[in-house]
Amino acid sequence: MTTSRPVFGKKTSGAAGHRAARPAQSQALSAKAEAFLQSEREKSGGQESSGGGFPFPSNSNNVTGGKPVWGRRVIARIVDELLVWGLVFLMFHEDLGRQVSVYIEAPMGSPEENAASAALFGYALLWGCLESAYNIGMEASRLQATLGKMLVGAVVTDRDGGKPGLGGIIMRNTLGRFIVNVVPFCAGYVMGLFRKDRRCLHDIMSGTMVRKRVPAALSEGYGEVFA
């Protein structure tokens, strides 16, 4: 009886053939992995971020807090205040300009000056209410940031770096903001410059922080699926 000798470079049948097929089988993805990849494709929309403009997040919670910041939030604050003041000016610029002129030109203590002063105070109060509503709406949303904060790459978080609760955001932008604005010499804001966590007075009152915006890592999700 003759036996066939293996020829160099030729595939053999039997057990060796089964062993050769195993790597290909191991490459097949499980149903869980396929579902995970499909969900990630839907979140990204099949497109990569261009890196330009405002860093709008997708529908998923893809932002997280990084290092606490102070300088960025100062710039963001100036931008947001100018945006809200610009909105008020666009809506009431004619009357606002007239009241400013009357306040400047009217004799001190005259009824005209008092009326103009009351009108200007009303516009300042309107600006404050609009800014509070704007801040609450933006920071409590999935964006976790106003347009100014988005421009400088900052995000509002809780003390642990997660998404803050609605109650904290409301406290931050109402009573907290009022108190920090009436503290003399802007001490409520400046104190954040000397704290390691960069928290200002209204942050401490509301249990929030302002951090550098960082894309959420997907490594944990991939590790769980493909482990």
Protein backbone atom coordinates (compact mmCIF):
# COMPACT_ATOMS: atom_id res chain seq x y z
CA MET A 1 0.00 0.00 0.00
CA THR A 2 1.33 3.36 -0.95
CA THR A 3 0.84 6.56 1.02
CA SER A 4 0.78 9.98 -0.50
CA ARG A 5 3.57 12.19 0.61
CA PRO A 6 2.89 15.82 1.35
CA VAL A 7 4.13 18.09 -1.34
CA PHE A 8 5.73 21.36 -0.36
CA GLY A 9 3.45 24.32 -1.17
CA LYS A 10 0.25 22.20 -1.47
CA LYS A 11 -2.70 22.32 0.91
CA THR A 12 -3.57 19.08 2.66
CA SER A 13 -7.00 17.85 3.67
CA GLY A 14 -8.16 16.59 7.05
CA ALA A 15 -7.28 18.14 10.35
CA ALA A 16 -4.83 20.54 8.82
CA GLY A 17 -7.54 21.87 6.54
CA HIS A 18 -9.82 22.44 9.52
CA ARG A 19 -7.05 24.26 11.32
CA ALA A 20 -6.51 26.52 8.32
CA ALA A 21 -10.20 27.42 8.19
CA ARG A 22 -10.44 28.42 11.86
CA PRO A 23 -8.86 31.90 11.54
CA ALA A 24 -11.38 32.84 8.88
CA GLN A 25 -14.23 31.67 11.10
CA SER A 26 -12.90 33.64 14.05
CA GLN A 27 -13.03 36.83 11.99
CA ALA A 28 -16.83 36.70 11.75
CA LEU A 29 -18.50 39.37 13.91
CA SER A 30 -21.12 38.50 16.45
CA ALA A 31 -24.61 39.93 16.24
CA LYS A 32 -23.80 42.22 19.15
CA ALA A 33 -20.71 43.57 17.41
CA GLU A 34 -22.59 44.12 14.18
CA ALA A 35 -25.32 46.01 16.02
CA PHE A 36 -22.75 48.14 17.81
CA LEU A 37 -20.99 49.08 14.58
CA GLN A 38 -24.28 49.90 12.91
CA SER A 39 -25.29 52.20 15.77
CA GLU A 40 -21.94 54.00 15.56
CA ARG A 41 -22.38 54.49 11.80
CA GLU A 42 -25.83 55.98 12.38
CA LYS A 43 -24.51 58.34 15.06
CA SER A 44 -21.72 59.66 12.86
CA GLY A 45 -23.89 59.76 9.76
CA GLY A 46 -21.12 58.17 7.76
CA GLN A 47 -19.16 61.45 7.70
CA GLU A 48 -16.06 62.68 9.46
CA SER A 49 -16.02 66.04 11.19
CA SER A 50 -14.45 68.76 9.10
CA GLY A 51 -13.09 70.51 12.18
CA GLY A 52 -14.44 73.93 11.18
CA GLY A 53 -17.02 76.15 12.79
CA PHE A 54 -18.79 75.46 16.04
CA PRO A 55 -18.24 71.94 17.44
CA PHE A 56 -21.91 70.90 17.45
CA PRO A 57 -22.31 67.44 18.98
CA SER A 58 -24.36 64.73 17.32
CA ASN A 59 -27.61 63.41 18.79
CA SER A 60 -25.63 61.23 21.17
CA ASN A 61 -23.90 62.58 24.25
CA ASN A 62 -20.47 62.83 22.65
CA VAL A 63 -18.94 65.55 24.81
CA THR A 64 -17.28 65.23 28.16
CA GLY A 65 -15.42 67.53 30.49
CA GLY A 66 -11.64 67.75 30.49
CA LYS A 67 -9.33 70.11 32.35
CA PRO A 68 -11.01 72.97 34.27
CA VAL A 69 -10.59 76.34 32.53
CA TRP A 70 -10.83 79.99 33.54
CA GLY A 71 -9.47 82.17 30.71
CA ARG A 72 -11.72 80.52 28.13
CA ARG A 73 -14.82 81.18 30.17
CA VAL A 74 -13.97 84.87 30.45
CA ILE A 75 -13.83 85.15 26.66
CA ALA A 76 -17.03 83.10 26.36
CA ARG A 77 -18.78 85.37 28.86
CA ILE A 78 -17.90 88.48 26.86
CA VAL A 79 -19.10 86.87 23.63
CA ASP A 80 -22.41 85.77 25.15
CA GLU A 81 -23.12 89.16 26.71
CA LEU A 82 -22.44 90.90 23.41
CA LEU A 83 -24.74 88.47 21.61
CA VAL A 84 -27.65 89.13 23.98
CA TRP A 85 -27.07 92.88 24.02
CA GLY A 86 -26.96 92.81 20.23
CA LEU A 87 -30.32 91.05 20.17
CA VAL A 88 -31.86 93.66 22.49
CA PHE A 89 -30.40 96.47 20.41
CA LEU A 90 -31.78 95.01 17.17
CA MET A 91 -35.27 94.76 18.65
CA PHE A 92 -35.40 98.15 20.40
CA HIS A 93 -32.60 100.25 18.88
CA GLU A 94 -34.81 103.26 18.04
CA ASP A 95 -36.31 103.68 21.50
CA LEU A 96 -33.08 102.66 23.20
CA GLY A 97 -31.14 105.34 21.36
CA ARG A 98 -33.78 107.94 22.16
CA GLN A 99 -33.76 107.12 25.87
CA VAL A 100 -29.97 107.33 26.01
CA SER A 101 -30.07 110.76 24.35
CA VAL A 102 -32.72 112.03 26.77
CA TYR A 103 -30.79 110.71 29.77
CA ILE A 104 -27.62 112.48 28.64
CA GLU A 105 -29.19 115.80 27.61
CA ALA A 106 -31.93 116.23 30.23
CA PRO A 107 -31.15 118.33 33.34
CA MET A 108 -30.11 116.30 36.35
CA GLY A 109 -33.07 115.38 38.54
CA SER A 110 -35.64 116.39 35.94
CA PRO A 111 -38.71 114.24 35.22
CA GLU A 112 -37.33 113.55 31.74
CA GLU A 113 -34.10 112.19 33.16
CA ASN A 114 -35.95 110.05 35.68
CA ALA A 115 -38.22 108.62 32.98
CA ALA A 116 -35.26 107.84 30.72
CA SER A 117 -33.41 106.25 33.62
CA ALA A 118 -36.39 104.01 34.38
CA ALA A 119 -36.66 103.02 30.73
CA LEU A 120 -32.96 102.15 30.53
CA PHE A 121 -33.26 100.13 33.73
CA GLY A 122 -36.12 98.23 32.12
CA TYR A 123 -33.95 97.40 29.12
CA ALA A 124 -31.16 96.22 31.44
CA LEU A 125 -33.66 94.02 33.27
CA LEU A 126 -34.88 92.62 29.95
CA TRP A 127 -31.30 91.89 28.95
CA GLY A 128 -30.69 90.06 32.22
CA CYS A 129 -33.80 87.90 31.80
CA LEU A 130 -32.97 87.06 28.19
CA GLU A 131 -29.40 86.15 29.12
CA SER A 132 -30.55 83.88 31.95
CA ALA A 133 -33.03 82.11 29.68
CA TYR A 134 -30.38 81.78 26.97
CA ASN A 135 -27.78 80.38 29.36
CA ILE A 136 -30.20 77.92 30.96
CA GLY A 137 -31.53 76.67 27.63
CA MET A 138 -28.09 76.13 26.10
CA GLU A 139 -26.28 74.72 29.14
CA ALA A 140 -29.13 72.35 30.07
CA SER A 141 -29.30 70.98 26.52
CA ARG A 142 -27.16 68.17 25.12
CA LEU A 143 -24.67 70.87 24.01
CA GLN A 144 -23.90 71.78 27.67
CA ALA A 145 -22.56 75.12 26.48
CA THR A 146 -23.57 78.54 25.22
CA LEU A 147 -22.40 79.74 21.81
CA GLY A 148 -19.55 81.60 23.46
CA LYS A 149 -18.39 78.50 25.32
CA MET A 150 -18.70 76.41 22.18
CA LEU A 151 -16.56 78.95 20.34
CA VAL A 152 -13.71 78.62 22.86
CA GLY A 153 -14.12 74.86 23.37
CA ALA A 154 -15.58 74.88 26.88
CA VAL A 155 -18.45 72.92 28.41
CA VAL A 156 -20.45 73.10 31.65
CA THR A 157 -20.34 69.93 33.76
CA ASP A 158 -21.09 68.77 37.26
CA ARG A 159 -18.24 68.35 39.75
CA ASP A 160 -17.44 64.88 38.38
CA GLY A 161 -17.27 65.98 34.75
CA GLY A 162 -20.70 64.66 33.75
CA LYS A 163 -23.80 66.40 32.49
CA PRO A 164 -25.17 68.79 35.15
CA GLY A 165 -28.75 68.59 36.36
CA LEU A 166 -31.39 71.14 35.41
CA GLY A 167 -31.65 72.41 38.98
CA GLY A 168 -27.95 73.19 39.11
CA ILE A 169 -28.08 75.01 35.77
CA ILE A 170 -31.04 77.12 36.92
CA MET A 171 -29.31 77.98 40.20
CA ARG A 172 -26.11 78.84 38.32
CA ASN A 173 -27.80 81.30 35.97
CA THR A 174 -30.31 82.94 38.32
CA LEU A 175 -29.48 83.40 42.00
CA GLY A 176 -25.85 82.34 41.55
CA ARG A 177 -25.28 84.76 38.67
CA PHE A 178 -27.04 87.59 40.55
CA ILE A 179 -24.90 87.17 43.65
CA VAL A 180 -21.63 86.84 41.75
CA ASN A 181 -22.43 90.05 39.86
CA VAL A 182 -23.14 92.11 42.98
CA VAL A 183 -19.98 91.02 44.84
CA PRO A 184 -17.62 94.05 44.76
CA PHE A 185 -14.63 94.14 42.40
CA CYS A 186 -15.82 91.00 40.53
CA ALA A 187 -14.35 88.95 43.37
CA GLY A 188 -16.84 86.13 42.75
CA TYR A 189 -15.39 85.65 39.27
CA VAL A 190 -11.75 86.35 40.10
CA MET A 191 -11.69 83.72 42.84
CA GLY A 192 -11.82 81.05 40.12
CA LEU A 193 -8.38 82.13 38.91
CA PHE A 194 -6.85 81.10 42.25
CA ARG A 195 -8.68 77.80 42.67
CA LYS A 196 -7.35 74.53 41.30
CA ASP A 197 -10.80 73.56 40.02
CA ARG A 198 -11.31 77.08 38.52
CA ARG A 199 -14.78 77.33 40.09
CA CYS A 200 -16.29 80.76 40.58
CA LEU A 201 -18.83 81.64 43.26
CA HIS A 202 -21.87 80.73 41.16
CA ASP A 203 -20.22 77.40 40.25
CA ILE A 204 -19.81 76.55 43.93
CA MET A 205 -23.42 77.50 44.65
CA SER A 206 -24.77 75.36 41.81
CA GLY A 207 -22.35 72.41 41.98
CA THR A 208 -21.09 73.00 38.43
CA MET A 209 -17.75 73.45 36.71
CA VAL A 210 -16.53 74.80 33.38
CA ARG A 211 -14.09 72.47 31.65
CA LYS A 212 -12.35 72.07 28.36
CA ARG A 213 -14.60 70.32 25.85
CA VAL A 214 -13.27 66.85 24.97
CA PRO A 215 -14.87 64.32 22.56
CA ALA A 216 -16.17 61.32 24.45
CA ALA A 217 -13.93 58.28 24.09
CA LEU A 218 -15.43 55.24 22.39
CA SER A 219 -12.78 52.88 23.65
CA GLU A 220 -14.91 51.49 26.48
CA GLY A 221 -17.76 50.64 24.14
CA TYR A 222 -15.48 48.90 21.65
CA GLY A 223 -13.71 47.06 24.42
CA GLU A 224 -16.96 45.70 25.77
CA VAL A 225 -18.19 44.52 22.36
CA PHE A 226 -15.01 43.11 20.87
CA ALA A 227 -13.42 41.69 24.02
